[in-house]
N, C-alpha and C. Protein backbone atom coordinates (compact mmCIF):
# COMPACT_ATOMS: atom_id res chain seq x y z
N MET A 1 4.31 -40.90 -23.54
CA MET A 1 3.45 -42.10 -23.54
C MET A 1 3.92 -43.10 -22.43
N ALA A 2 3.02 -43.79 -21.96
CA ALA A 2 3.38 -44.82 -20.96
C ALA A 2 2.78 -46.14 -21.45
N THR A 3 3.55 -47.17 -21.15
CA THR A 3 3.10 -48.49 -21.56
C THR A 3 3.00 -49.39 -20.31
N LEU A 4 2.05 -50.27 -20.35
CA LEU A 4 1.89 -51.19 -19.20
C LEU A 4 2.47 -52.55 -19.66
N ASN A 5 3.45 -52.99 -18.91
CA ASN A 5 4.15 -54.21 -19.23
C ASN A 5 3.51 -55.37 -18.43
N VAL A 6 3.10 -56.36 -19.17
CA VAL A 6 2.49 -57.57 -18.57
C VAL A 6 3.51 -58.71 -18.78
N PRO A 7 3.91 -59.36 -17.69
CA PRO A 7 4.88 -60.42 -17.85
C PRO A 7 4.29 -61.61 -18.64
N GLU A 8 5.15 -62.08 -19.55
CA GLU A 8 4.75 -63.18 -20.35
C GLU A 8 5.21 -64.55 -19.73
N SER A 9 4.48 -65.55 -19.98
CA SER A 9 4.89 -66.87 -19.46
C SER A 9 6.03 -67.41 -20.37
N SER A 10 6.87 -68.16 -19.85
CA SER A 10 7.99 -68.66 -20.66
C SER A 10 7.50 -69.73 -21.70
N LYS A 11 6.45 -70.40 -21.49
CA LYS A 11 5.99 -71.36 -22.44
C LYS A 11 4.89 -70.76 -23.31
N ALA A 12 4.97 -71.01 -24.58
CA ALA A 12 4.03 -70.58 -25.48
C ALA A 12 2.92 -71.64 -25.67
N VAL A 13 1.73 -71.33 -25.65
CA VAL A 13 0.65 -72.29 -25.78
C VAL A 13 0.46 -72.56 -27.29
N LYS A 14 0.39 -73.83 -27.74
CA LYS A 14 0.20 -74.09 -29.14
C LYS A 14 -1.23 -73.80 -29.53
N GLY A 15 -1.39 -73.29 -30.69
CA GLY A 15 -2.70 -73.12 -31.24
C GLY A 15 -3.38 -71.83 -30.81
N ARG A 16 -2.90 -71.14 -29.85
CA ARG A 16 -3.54 -69.83 -29.36
C ARG A 16 -2.83 -68.69 -30.02
N THR A 17 -3.55 -67.72 -30.31
CA THR A 17 -3.01 -66.49 -30.82
C THR A 17 -2.49 -65.70 -29.67
N GLN A 18 -1.39 -65.04 -29.89
CA GLN A 18 -0.87 -64.22 -28.75
C GLN A 18 -1.57 -62.84 -28.79
N LYS A 19 -1.99 -62.48 -27.59
CA LYS A 19 -2.76 -61.15 -27.41
C LYS A 19 -1.76 -60.03 -27.47
N PRO A 20 -2.03 -58.92 -28.09
CA PRO A 20 -1.16 -57.79 -28.01
C PRO A 20 -1.14 -57.16 -26.57
N LEU A 21 -0.02 -56.62 -26.17
CA LEU A 21 0.08 -56.03 -24.86
C LEU A 21 -0.87 -54.79 -24.72
N PRO A 22 -1.50 -54.70 -23.60
CA PRO A 22 -2.35 -53.47 -23.52
C PRO A 22 -1.49 -52.23 -23.28
N ARG A 23 -1.89 -51.13 -23.91
CA ARG A 23 -1.17 -49.87 -23.82
C ARG A 23 -2.12 -48.80 -23.37
N VAL A 24 -1.65 -48.03 -22.38
CA VAL A 24 -2.42 -46.89 -21.87
C VAL A 24 -1.66 -45.60 -22.24
N ASP A 25 -2.35 -44.78 -22.95
CA ASP A 25 -1.67 -43.46 -23.36
C ASP A 25 -2.03 -42.39 -22.33
N LEU A 26 -1.02 -41.92 -21.65
CA LEU A 26 -1.17 -40.97 -20.54
C LEU A 26 -0.77 -39.56 -20.97
N THR A 27 -0.62 -39.35 -22.26
CA THR A 27 -0.23 -38.02 -22.75
C THR A 27 -1.22 -36.95 -22.29
N ALA A 28 -2.55 -37.24 -22.40
CA ALA A 28 -3.56 -36.24 -22.00
C ALA A 28 -3.47 -35.91 -20.56
N MET A 29 -3.20 -36.94 -19.72
CA MET A 29 -3.11 -36.72 -18.27
C MET A 29 -1.88 -35.85 -17.98
N VAL A 30 -0.74 -35.96 -18.61
CA VAL A 30 0.42 -35.21 -18.36
C VAL A 30 0.10 -33.76 -18.78
N ASP A 31 -0.53 -33.55 -19.88
CA ASP A 31 -0.95 -32.25 -20.40
C ASP A 31 -1.87 -31.59 -19.38
N LEU A 32 -2.82 -32.31 -18.81
CA LEU A 32 -3.73 -31.73 -17.87
C LEU A 32 -3.03 -31.33 -16.61
N ALA A 33 -2.06 -32.17 -16.14
CA ALA A 33 -1.30 -31.86 -14.94
C ALA A 33 -0.59 -30.54 -15.12
N PHE A 34 0.17 -30.36 -16.29
CA PHE A 34 0.86 -29.14 -16.52
C PHE A 34 -0.05 -27.97 -16.61
N LEU A 35 -1.23 -28.11 -17.21
CA LEU A 35 -2.18 -27.00 -17.28
C LEU A 35 -2.67 -26.59 -15.85
N LEU A 36 -2.90 -27.53 -15.03
CA LEU A 36 -3.37 -27.26 -13.70
C LEU A 36 -2.26 -26.63 -12.88
N ILE A 37 -1.08 -27.08 -12.98
CA ILE A 37 0.09 -26.42 -12.25
C ILE A 37 0.24 -24.99 -12.76
N THR A 38 0.20 -24.77 -14.07
CA THR A 38 0.30 -23.42 -14.60
C THR A 38 -0.88 -22.46 -14.17
N PHE A 39 -2.03 -23.06 -14.12
CA PHE A 39 -3.20 -22.30 -13.69
C PHE A 39 -3.07 -21.86 -12.16
N PHE A 40 -2.70 -22.78 -11.32
CA PHE A 40 -2.59 -22.43 -9.90
C PHE A 40 -1.41 -21.51 -9.62
N MET A 41 -0.34 -21.65 -10.34
CA MET A 41 0.77 -20.68 -10.17
C MET A 41 0.35 -19.30 -10.61
N LEU A 42 -0.39 -19.19 -11.72
CA LEU A 42 -0.85 -17.93 -12.14
C LEU A 42 -1.87 -17.29 -11.22
N THR A 43 -2.79 -18.07 -10.70
CA THR A 43 -3.81 -17.47 -9.80
C THR A 43 -3.15 -17.06 -8.42
N THR A 44 -2.15 -17.75 -8.01
CA THR A 44 -1.56 -17.34 -6.73
C THR A 44 -0.74 -16.10 -6.92
N SER A 45 -0.12 -15.92 -8.07
CA SER A 45 0.65 -14.70 -8.26
C SER A 45 -0.20 -13.52 -8.56
N LEU A 46 -1.40 -13.70 -9.12
CA LEU A 46 -2.36 -12.61 -9.35
C LEU A 46 -3.07 -12.17 -8.02
N SER A 47 -3.16 -13.06 -7.11
CA SER A 47 -3.96 -12.72 -5.88
C SER A 47 -3.07 -12.30 -4.72
N LYS A 48 -1.96 -11.60 -5.02
CA LYS A 48 -1.07 -11.11 -3.95
C LYS A 48 -1.86 -9.97 -3.28
N MET A 49 -1.67 -9.96 -1.99
CA MET A 49 -2.39 -8.97 -1.13
C MET A 49 -1.85 -7.57 -1.41
N LYS A 50 -2.70 -6.58 -1.59
CA LYS A 50 -2.29 -5.19 -1.78
C LYS A 50 -2.58 -4.50 -0.48
N ALA A 51 -1.53 -4.13 0.26
CA ALA A 51 -1.66 -3.52 1.50
C ALA A 51 -0.64 -2.33 1.70
N LEU A 52 -1.01 -1.35 2.41
CA LEU A 52 -0.15 -0.34 2.78
C LEU A 52 0.73 -0.65 3.96
N ASP A 53 2.01 -0.24 3.91
CA ASP A 53 2.84 -0.44 5.07
C ASP A 53 2.78 0.74 5.96
N ILE A 54 2.20 0.59 7.09
CA ILE A 54 2.06 1.74 8.08
C ILE A 54 2.57 1.26 9.37
N ALA A 55 3.55 2.03 9.84
CA ALA A 55 4.14 1.69 11.18
C ALA A 55 3.79 2.88 12.10
N LYS A 56 3.08 2.57 13.15
CA LYS A 56 2.70 3.56 14.14
C LYS A 56 3.63 3.36 15.35
N PRO A 57 4.16 4.41 15.91
CA PRO A 57 5.05 4.25 17.09
C PRO A 57 4.36 3.67 18.31
N VAL A 58 5.13 2.98 19.11
CA VAL A 58 4.63 2.40 20.36
C VAL A 58 4.70 3.51 21.38
N ALA A 59 3.67 3.64 22.21
CA ALA A 59 3.66 4.66 23.15
C ALA A 59 4.65 4.35 24.35
N VAL A 60 5.49 5.35 24.61
CA VAL A 60 6.48 5.16 25.69
C VAL A 60 6.23 6.27 26.71
N ASN A 61 6.56 5.97 27.95
CA ASN A 61 6.38 6.89 29.06
C ASN A 61 7.67 7.20 29.70
N PRO A 62 8.23 8.33 29.74
CA PRO A 62 7.75 9.63 29.15
C PRO A 62 7.96 9.66 27.65
N PRO A 63 7.15 10.47 26.88
CA PRO A 63 7.33 10.53 25.53
C PRO A 63 8.66 11.17 25.11
N ILE A 64 9.18 10.64 24.00
CA ILE A 64 10.46 11.15 23.48
C ILE A 64 10.14 12.11 22.36
N PHE A 65 10.72 13.32 22.45
CA PHE A 65 10.45 14.37 21.43
C PHE A 65 11.80 14.53 20.66
N ALA A 66 11.60 14.57 19.34
CA ALA A 66 12.77 14.82 18.47
C ALA A 66 12.72 16.26 18.04
N ASP A 67 13.96 16.83 17.83
CA ASP A 67 14.05 18.27 17.41
C ASP A 67 13.83 18.27 15.85
N TYR A 68 12.73 18.78 15.40
CA TYR A 68 12.38 18.79 14.02
C TYR A 68 11.88 20.23 13.72
N PRO A 69 12.51 20.93 12.82
CA PRO A 69 12.13 22.32 12.59
C PRO A 69 10.69 22.43 12.08
N ALA A 70 9.91 23.33 12.53
CA ALA A 70 8.53 23.52 12.10
C ALA A 70 8.44 23.94 10.66
N SER A 71 9.52 24.57 10.15
CA SER A 71 9.51 25.07 8.73
C SER A 71 9.52 23.89 7.78
N ARG A 72 9.85 22.66 8.22
CA ARG A 72 9.80 21.51 7.40
C ARG A 72 8.61 20.57 7.59
N THR A 73 7.65 20.96 8.39
CA THR A 73 6.55 20.16 8.78
C THR A 73 5.29 20.65 8.13
N MET A 74 4.57 19.74 7.45
CA MET A 74 3.27 20.03 6.84
C MET A 74 2.24 19.12 7.57
N THR A 75 1.18 19.78 7.93
CA THR A 75 0.09 19.06 8.66
C THR A 75 -1.14 18.98 7.62
N ILE A 76 -1.71 17.80 7.51
CA ILE A 76 -2.91 17.64 6.69
C ILE A 76 -3.99 17.05 7.59
N LEU A 77 -5.09 17.77 7.62
CA LEU A 77 -6.25 17.35 8.39
C LEU A 77 -7.31 16.86 7.41
N LEU A 78 -7.74 15.63 7.45
CA LEU A 78 -8.71 15.07 6.55
C LEU A 78 -10.13 15.33 7.10
N GLY A 79 -10.99 15.87 6.28
CA GLY A 79 -12.37 16.20 6.73
C GLY A 79 -13.39 15.48 5.90
N LYS A 80 -14.58 16.06 5.95
CA LYS A 80 -15.69 15.37 5.25
C LYS A 80 -15.87 15.95 3.85
N ASN A 81 -16.66 15.35 3.01
CA ASN A 81 -16.93 15.76 1.59
C ASN A 81 -15.56 15.92 0.78
N ASN A 82 -14.66 14.99 1.01
CA ASN A 82 -13.44 14.96 0.21
C ASN A 82 -12.63 16.29 0.32
N GLN A 83 -12.72 16.87 1.51
CA GLN A 83 -12.02 18.14 1.74
C GLN A 83 -10.95 17.84 2.77
N ALA A 84 -9.85 18.69 2.74
CA ALA A 84 -8.76 18.61 3.66
C ALA A 84 -8.33 20.02 3.98
N VAL A 85 -7.67 20.10 5.16
CA VAL A 85 -7.01 21.41 5.59
C VAL A 85 -5.57 21.10 5.70
N TYR A 86 -4.74 21.97 5.25
CA TYR A 86 -3.28 21.81 5.44
C TYR A 86 -2.65 23.13 5.84
N TYR A 87 -1.53 23.00 6.48
CA TYR A 87 -0.76 24.19 6.85
C TYR A 87 0.69 23.71 7.08
N MET A 88 1.61 24.68 6.97
CA MET A 88 3.01 24.51 7.22
C MET A 88 3.35 25.10 8.59
N GLY A 89 4.24 24.45 9.28
CA GLY A 89 4.78 24.95 10.56
C GLY A 89 3.91 24.53 11.78
N GLU A 90 4.02 25.39 12.82
CA GLU A 90 3.38 25.12 14.09
C GLU A 90 1.90 25.48 14.05
N THR A 91 1.12 24.84 14.86
CA THR A 91 -0.39 25.01 14.88
C THR A 91 -0.69 26.40 15.32
N ALA A 92 0.02 26.87 16.28
CA ALA A 92 -0.27 28.27 16.88
C ALA A 92 -0.11 29.35 15.83
N LYS A 93 0.90 29.19 15.02
CA LYS A 93 1.27 30.25 14.05
C LYS A 93 0.73 29.95 12.69
N ALA A 94 -0.07 28.92 12.51
CA ALA A 94 -0.43 28.37 11.17
C ALA A 94 -1.36 29.21 10.41
N ILE A 95 -1.17 29.27 9.10
CA ILE A 95 -2.09 29.84 8.15
C ILE A 95 -2.73 28.67 7.40
N MET A 96 -3.98 28.33 7.91
CA MET A 96 -4.63 27.12 7.38
C MET A 96 -5.32 27.36 6.08
N LYS A 97 -5.21 26.40 5.16
CA LYS A 97 -5.87 26.51 3.81
C LYS A 97 -6.63 25.24 3.62
N THR A 98 -7.79 25.41 2.89
CA THR A 98 -8.62 24.21 2.56
C THR A 98 -8.25 23.81 1.13
N VAL A 99 -8.38 22.52 0.89
CA VAL A 99 -8.12 22.00 -0.43
C VAL A 99 -8.95 20.75 -0.58
N ASP A 100 -9.37 20.40 -1.84
CA ASP A 100 -10.02 19.18 -2.03
C ASP A 100 -9.03 18.05 -2.27
N MET A 101 -9.43 16.85 -2.12
CA MET A 101 -8.49 15.70 -2.14
C MET A 101 -7.83 15.52 -3.55
N LYS A 102 -8.55 15.96 -4.61
CA LYS A 102 -7.97 15.88 -5.95
C LYS A 102 -6.73 16.74 -6.15
N SER A 103 -6.71 17.89 -5.52
CA SER A 103 -5.64 18.85 -5.71
C SER A 103 -4.65 18.78 -4.51
N LEU A 104 -4.76 17.85 -3.66
CA LEU A 104 -3.86 17.73 -2.47
C LEU A 104 -2.43 17.42 -2.92
N LYS A 105 -2.31 16.66 -3.96
CA LYS A 105 -0.94 16.30 -4.50
C LYS A 105 -0.20 17.54 -4.91
N THR A 106 -0.81 18.48 -5.59
CA THR A 106 -0.09 19.70 -6.02
C THR A 106 0.38 20.54 -4.88
N GLU A 107 -0.41 20.60 -3.86
CA GLU A 107 -0.01 21.36 -2.64
C GLU A 107 1.14 20.64 -1.87
N ILE A 108 1.12 19.36 -1.85
CA ILE A 108 2.23 18.63 -1.21
C ILE A 108 3.47 18.85 -2.01
N LEU A 109 3.45 18.74 -3.35
CA LEU A 109 4.65 18.91 -4.17
C LEU A 109 5.14 20.37 -4.02
N ALA A 110 4.24 21.35 -4.05
CA ALA A 110 4.64 22.75 -3.95
C ALA A 110 5.36 23.03 -2.60
N ASN A 111 4.85 22.45 -1.54
CA ASN A 111 5.42 22.65 -0.17
C ASN A 111 6.74 21.95 -0.13
N LYS A 112 6.87 20.74 -0.76
CA LYS A 112 8.10 19.98 -0.74
C LYS A 112 9.20 20.77 -1.50
N ARG A 113 8.84 21.37 -2.63
CA ARG A 113 9.82 22.25 -3.41
C ARG A 113 10.30 23.42 -2.53
N MET A 114 9.32 24.02 -1.81
CA MET A 114 9.66 25.14 -0.96
C MET A 114 10.61 24.77 0.09
N VAL A 115 10.40 23.64 0.77
CA VAL A 115 11.25 23.13 1.80
C VAL A 115 12.66 22.88 1.23
N GLU A 116 12.74 22.27 0.01
CA GLU A 116 14.04 21.95 -0.59
C GLU A 116 14.78 23.23 -0.96
N ARG A 117 14.05 24.28 -1.35
CA ARG A 117 14.73 25.59 -1.65
C ARG A 117 15.28 26.27 -0.45
N THR A 118 14.50 26.21 0.66
CA THR A 118 14.89 27.05 1.84
C THR A 118 15.84 26.44 2.70
N HIS A 119 16.11 25.13 2.63
CA HIS A 119 17.08 24.45 3.49
C HIS A 119 18.27 24.03 2.71
N ALA A 120 19.40 24.10 3.43
CA ALA A 120 20.73 23.92 2.72
C ALA A 120 21.19 22.44 2.58
N THR A 121 21.14 21.75 3.72
CA THR A 121 21.76 20.43 3.70
C THR A 121 20.75 19.41 3.22
N PRO A 122 21.22 18.32 2.63
CA PRO A 122 20.28 17.24 2.23
C PRO A 122 19.40 16.72 3.27
N LYS A 123 19.91 16.62 4.52
CA LYS A 123 19.21 16.09 5.60
C LYS A 123 17.99 17.05 5.97
N ASP A 124 18.32 18.34 5.83
CA ASP A 124 17.24 19.33 6.16
C ASP A 124 16.22 19.56 5.10
N LYS A 125 16.51 19.04 3.88
CA LYS A 125 15.59 19.20 2.71
C LYS A 125 14.44 18.22 2.79
N GLU A 126 14.44 17.30 3.71
CA GLU A 126 13.42 16.30 3.85
C GLU A 126 12.26 16.94 4.60
N MET A 127 11.06 16.84 4.01
CA MET A 127 9.79 17.31 4.56
C MET A 127 9.12 16.22 5.45
N LEU A 128 8.57 16.61 6.54
CA LEU A 128 7.81 15.70 7.37
C LEU A 128 6.27 16.10 7.25
N VAL A 129 5.52 15.10 6.98
CA VAL A 129 4.08 15.35 6.83
C VAL A 129 3.33 14.64 7.95
N VAL A 130 2.48 15.36 8.64
CA VAL A 130 1.62 14.73 9.73
C VAL A 130 0.19 14.65 9.15
N ILE A 131 -0.31 13.47 9.02
CA ILE A 131 -1.70 13.25 8.48
C ILE A 131 -2.57 12.98 9.74
N LYS A 132 -3.65 13.87 9.80
CA LYS A 132 -4.59 13.75 10.94
C LYS A 132 -6.06 13.42 10.45
N PRO A 133 -6.42 12.16 10.35
CA PRO A 133 -7.78 11.93 9.98
C PRO A 133 -8.75 12.20 11.10
N THR A 134 -9.77 12.87 10.78
CA THR A 134 -10.82 13.27 11.78
C THR A 134 -11.90 12.28 11.77
N ASN A 135 -12.87 12.50 12.73
CA ASN A 135 -13.99 11.58 12.83
C ASN A 135 -14.93 11.70 11.62
N THR A 136 -14.88 12.80 10.94
CA THR A 136 -15.76 12.98 9.75
C THR A 136 -15.16 12.52 8.47
N SER A 137 -13.84 12.25 8.44
CA SER A 137 -13.21 11.79 7.23
C SER A 137 -13.56 10.34 6.90
N ASN A 138 -13.34 9.92 5.70
CA ASN A 138 -13.60 8.56 5.37
C ASN A 138 -12.25 7.82 5.02
N TYR A 139 -12.38 6.53 4.93
CA TYR A 139 -11.21 5.66 4.80
C TYR A 139 -10.48 5.89 3.43
N LYS A 140 -11.35 6.15 2.41
CA LYS A 140 -10.75 6.31 1.04
C LYS A 140 -9.79 7.59 1.01
N ASN A 141 -10.20 8.64 1.72
CA ASN A 141 -9.34 9.89 1.72
C ASN A 141 -8.10 9.58 2.45
N PHE A 142 -8.12 8.79 3.48
CA PHE A 142 -6.88 8.42 4.27
C PHE A 142 -5.95 7.58 3.39
N VAL A 143 -6.52 6.72 2.67
CA VAL A 143 -5.66 5.83 1.74
C VAL A 143 -5.15 6.73 0.64
N ASP A 144 -5.92 7.63 0.13
CA ASP A 144 -5.46 8.55 -0.94
C ASP A 144 -4.34 9.44 -0.39
N ALA A 145 -4.41 9.89 0.80
CA ALA A 145 -3.35 10.75 1.38
C ALA A 145 -2.07 9.90 1.51
N ILE A 146 -2.15 8.71 1.98
CA ILE A 146 -0.97 7.85 2.10
C ILE A 146 -0.36 7.57 0.68
N ASP A 147 -1.20 7.37 -0.29
CA ASP A 147 -0.78 7.14 -1.67
C ASP A 147 -0.06 8.38 -2.17
N GLU A 148 -0.59 9.55 -1.88
CA GLU A 148 0.13 10.80 -2.31
C GLU A 148 1.49 10.97 -1.65
N MET A 149 1.65 10.48 -0.43
CA MET A 149 2.97 10.49 0.18
C MET A 149 3.95 9.60 -0.63
N ASN A 150 3.54 8.43 -1.10
CA ASN A 150 4.34 7.53 -1.89
C ASN A 150 4.66 8.11 -3.18
N ILE A 151 3.65 8.70 -3.85
CA ILE A 151 3.79 9.29 -5.17
C ILE A 151 4.79 10.50 -5.11
N ALA A 152 4.65 11.36 -4.10
CA ALA A 152 5.49 12.54 -3.92
C ALA A 152 6.85 12.20 -3.36
N ASN A 153 7.06 10.94 -3.05
CA ASN A 153 8.39 10.49 -2.45
C ASN A 153 8.65 11.17 -1.13
N ILE A 154 7.62 11.28 -0.29
CA ILE A 154 7.81 11.80 1.05
C ILE A 154 8.23 10.65 1.96
N GLN A 155 9.47 10.72 2.47
CA GLN A 155 10.02 9.62 3.23
C GLN A 155 9.52 9.62 4.63
N SER A 156 9.24 10.81 5.21
CA SER A 156 8.81 10.90 6.60
C SER A 156 7.43 11.46 6.73
N TYR A 157 6.54 10.51 7.09
CA TYR A 157 5.21 10.98 7.36
C TYR A 157 4.69 10.26 8.56
N ALA A 158 3.78 10.89 9.31
CA ALA A 158 3.29 10.30 10.57
C ALA A 158 1.73 10.43 10.51
N ILE A 159 1.09 9.50 11.21
CA ILE A 159 -0.34 9.49 11.35
C ILE A 159 -0.70 9.83 12.75
N ASP A 160 -1.45 10.92 12.99
CA ASP A 160 -1.78 11.31 14.31
C ASP A 160 -3.31 11.34 14.35
N ASP A 161 -3.90 10.27 14.78
CA ASP A 161 -5.32 10.25 14.88
C ASP A 161 -5.86 10.49 16.34
N LYS A 162 -4.95 10.83 17.23
CA LYS A 162 -5.34 11.07 18.61
C LYS A 162 -5.44 12.51 18.99
N TYR A 163 -4.55 13.37 18.50
CA TYR A 163 -4.48 14.69 18.90
C TYR A 163 -4.87 15.68 17.79
N ILE A 164 -5.92 16.40 17.89
CA ILE A 164 -6.26 17.50 16.98
C ILE A 164 -6.47 18.74 17.81
N ALA A 165 -5.67 19.74 17.53
CA ALA A 165 -5.66 21.00 18.41
C ALA A 165 -7.04 21.71 18.24
N GLU A 166 -7.28 22.55 19.24
CA GLU A 166 -8.53 23.30 19.26
C GLU A 166 -8.58 24.29 18.07
N LYS A 167 -7.43 24.89 17.76
CA LYS A 167 -7.44 25.80 16.60
C LYS A 167 -7.76 25.01 15.31
N GLU A 168 -7.29 23.87 15.13
CA GLU A 168 -7.64 23.02 14.02
C GLU A 168 -9.09 22.72 14.01
N LYS A 169 -9.67 22.29 15.11
CA LYS A 169 -11.07 22.02 15.17
C LYS A 169 -11.94 23.15 14.83
N THR A 170 -11.65 24.32 15.41
CA THR A 170 -12.46 25.53 15.15
C THR A 170 -12.42 25.99 13.66
N PHE A 171 -11.20 25.84 13.06
CA PHE A 171 -11.05 26.20 11.62
C PHE A 171 -11.86 25.31 10.83
N MET A 172 -11.78 24.02 11.10
CA MET A 172 -12.53 23.04 10.33
C MET A 172 -14.05 23.21 10.43
N LYS A 173 -14.46 23.50 11.65
CA LYS A 173 -15.92 23.76 11.96
C LYS A 173 -16.36 25.05 11.20
N SER A 174 -15.57 26.08 11.19
CA SER A 174 -15.94 27.33 10.55
C SER A 174 -16.07 27.16 9.05
N LYS A 175 -15.27 26.23 8.45
CA LYS A 175 -15.24 25.95 6.98
C LYS A 175 -16.31 24.88 6.68
N GLY A 176 -16.84 24.26 7.63
CA GLY A 176 -17.86 23.16 7.40
C GLY A 176 -17.21 21.92 6.91
N ILE A 177 -16.05 21.64 7.34
CA ILE A 177 -15.32 20.47 6.95
C ILE A 177 -15.46 19.37 7.95
């Protein structure tokens, strides 16, 4: 509570009744202030931006190539109608398989287990996934593929939206993806 102090004169006037001091109760205002503070703190914490962290490399000339075994590389091509094509290894020797986006997670986990079984050192057990969205794929499938990387705990994945090999294009065209 708050009170408003009014200074009194030193002399009392005879015959007049003394007026009580005016009091202003600010309890409701304090309660309202705390409610507003709580409300705005809650709304700012609920409205945090949900975004994916994607880092794409900067183009350098000449390009730098890292030595990474093809046996640890999985390539995923995103197509239309919630379909994808995946393969392990090099494009020239690839055995491409089609999969729908709902069962992509099982294929990623199966290939990850295969890589972990076939390689000896912990550094070599890490699988690299190259995600290639095509012109016919949609944004939802791309986000789902990135989410699957996080769910499957794939530490190394790359997004290659510039280069799709002819073999990949012809396979996708033959499957209608």
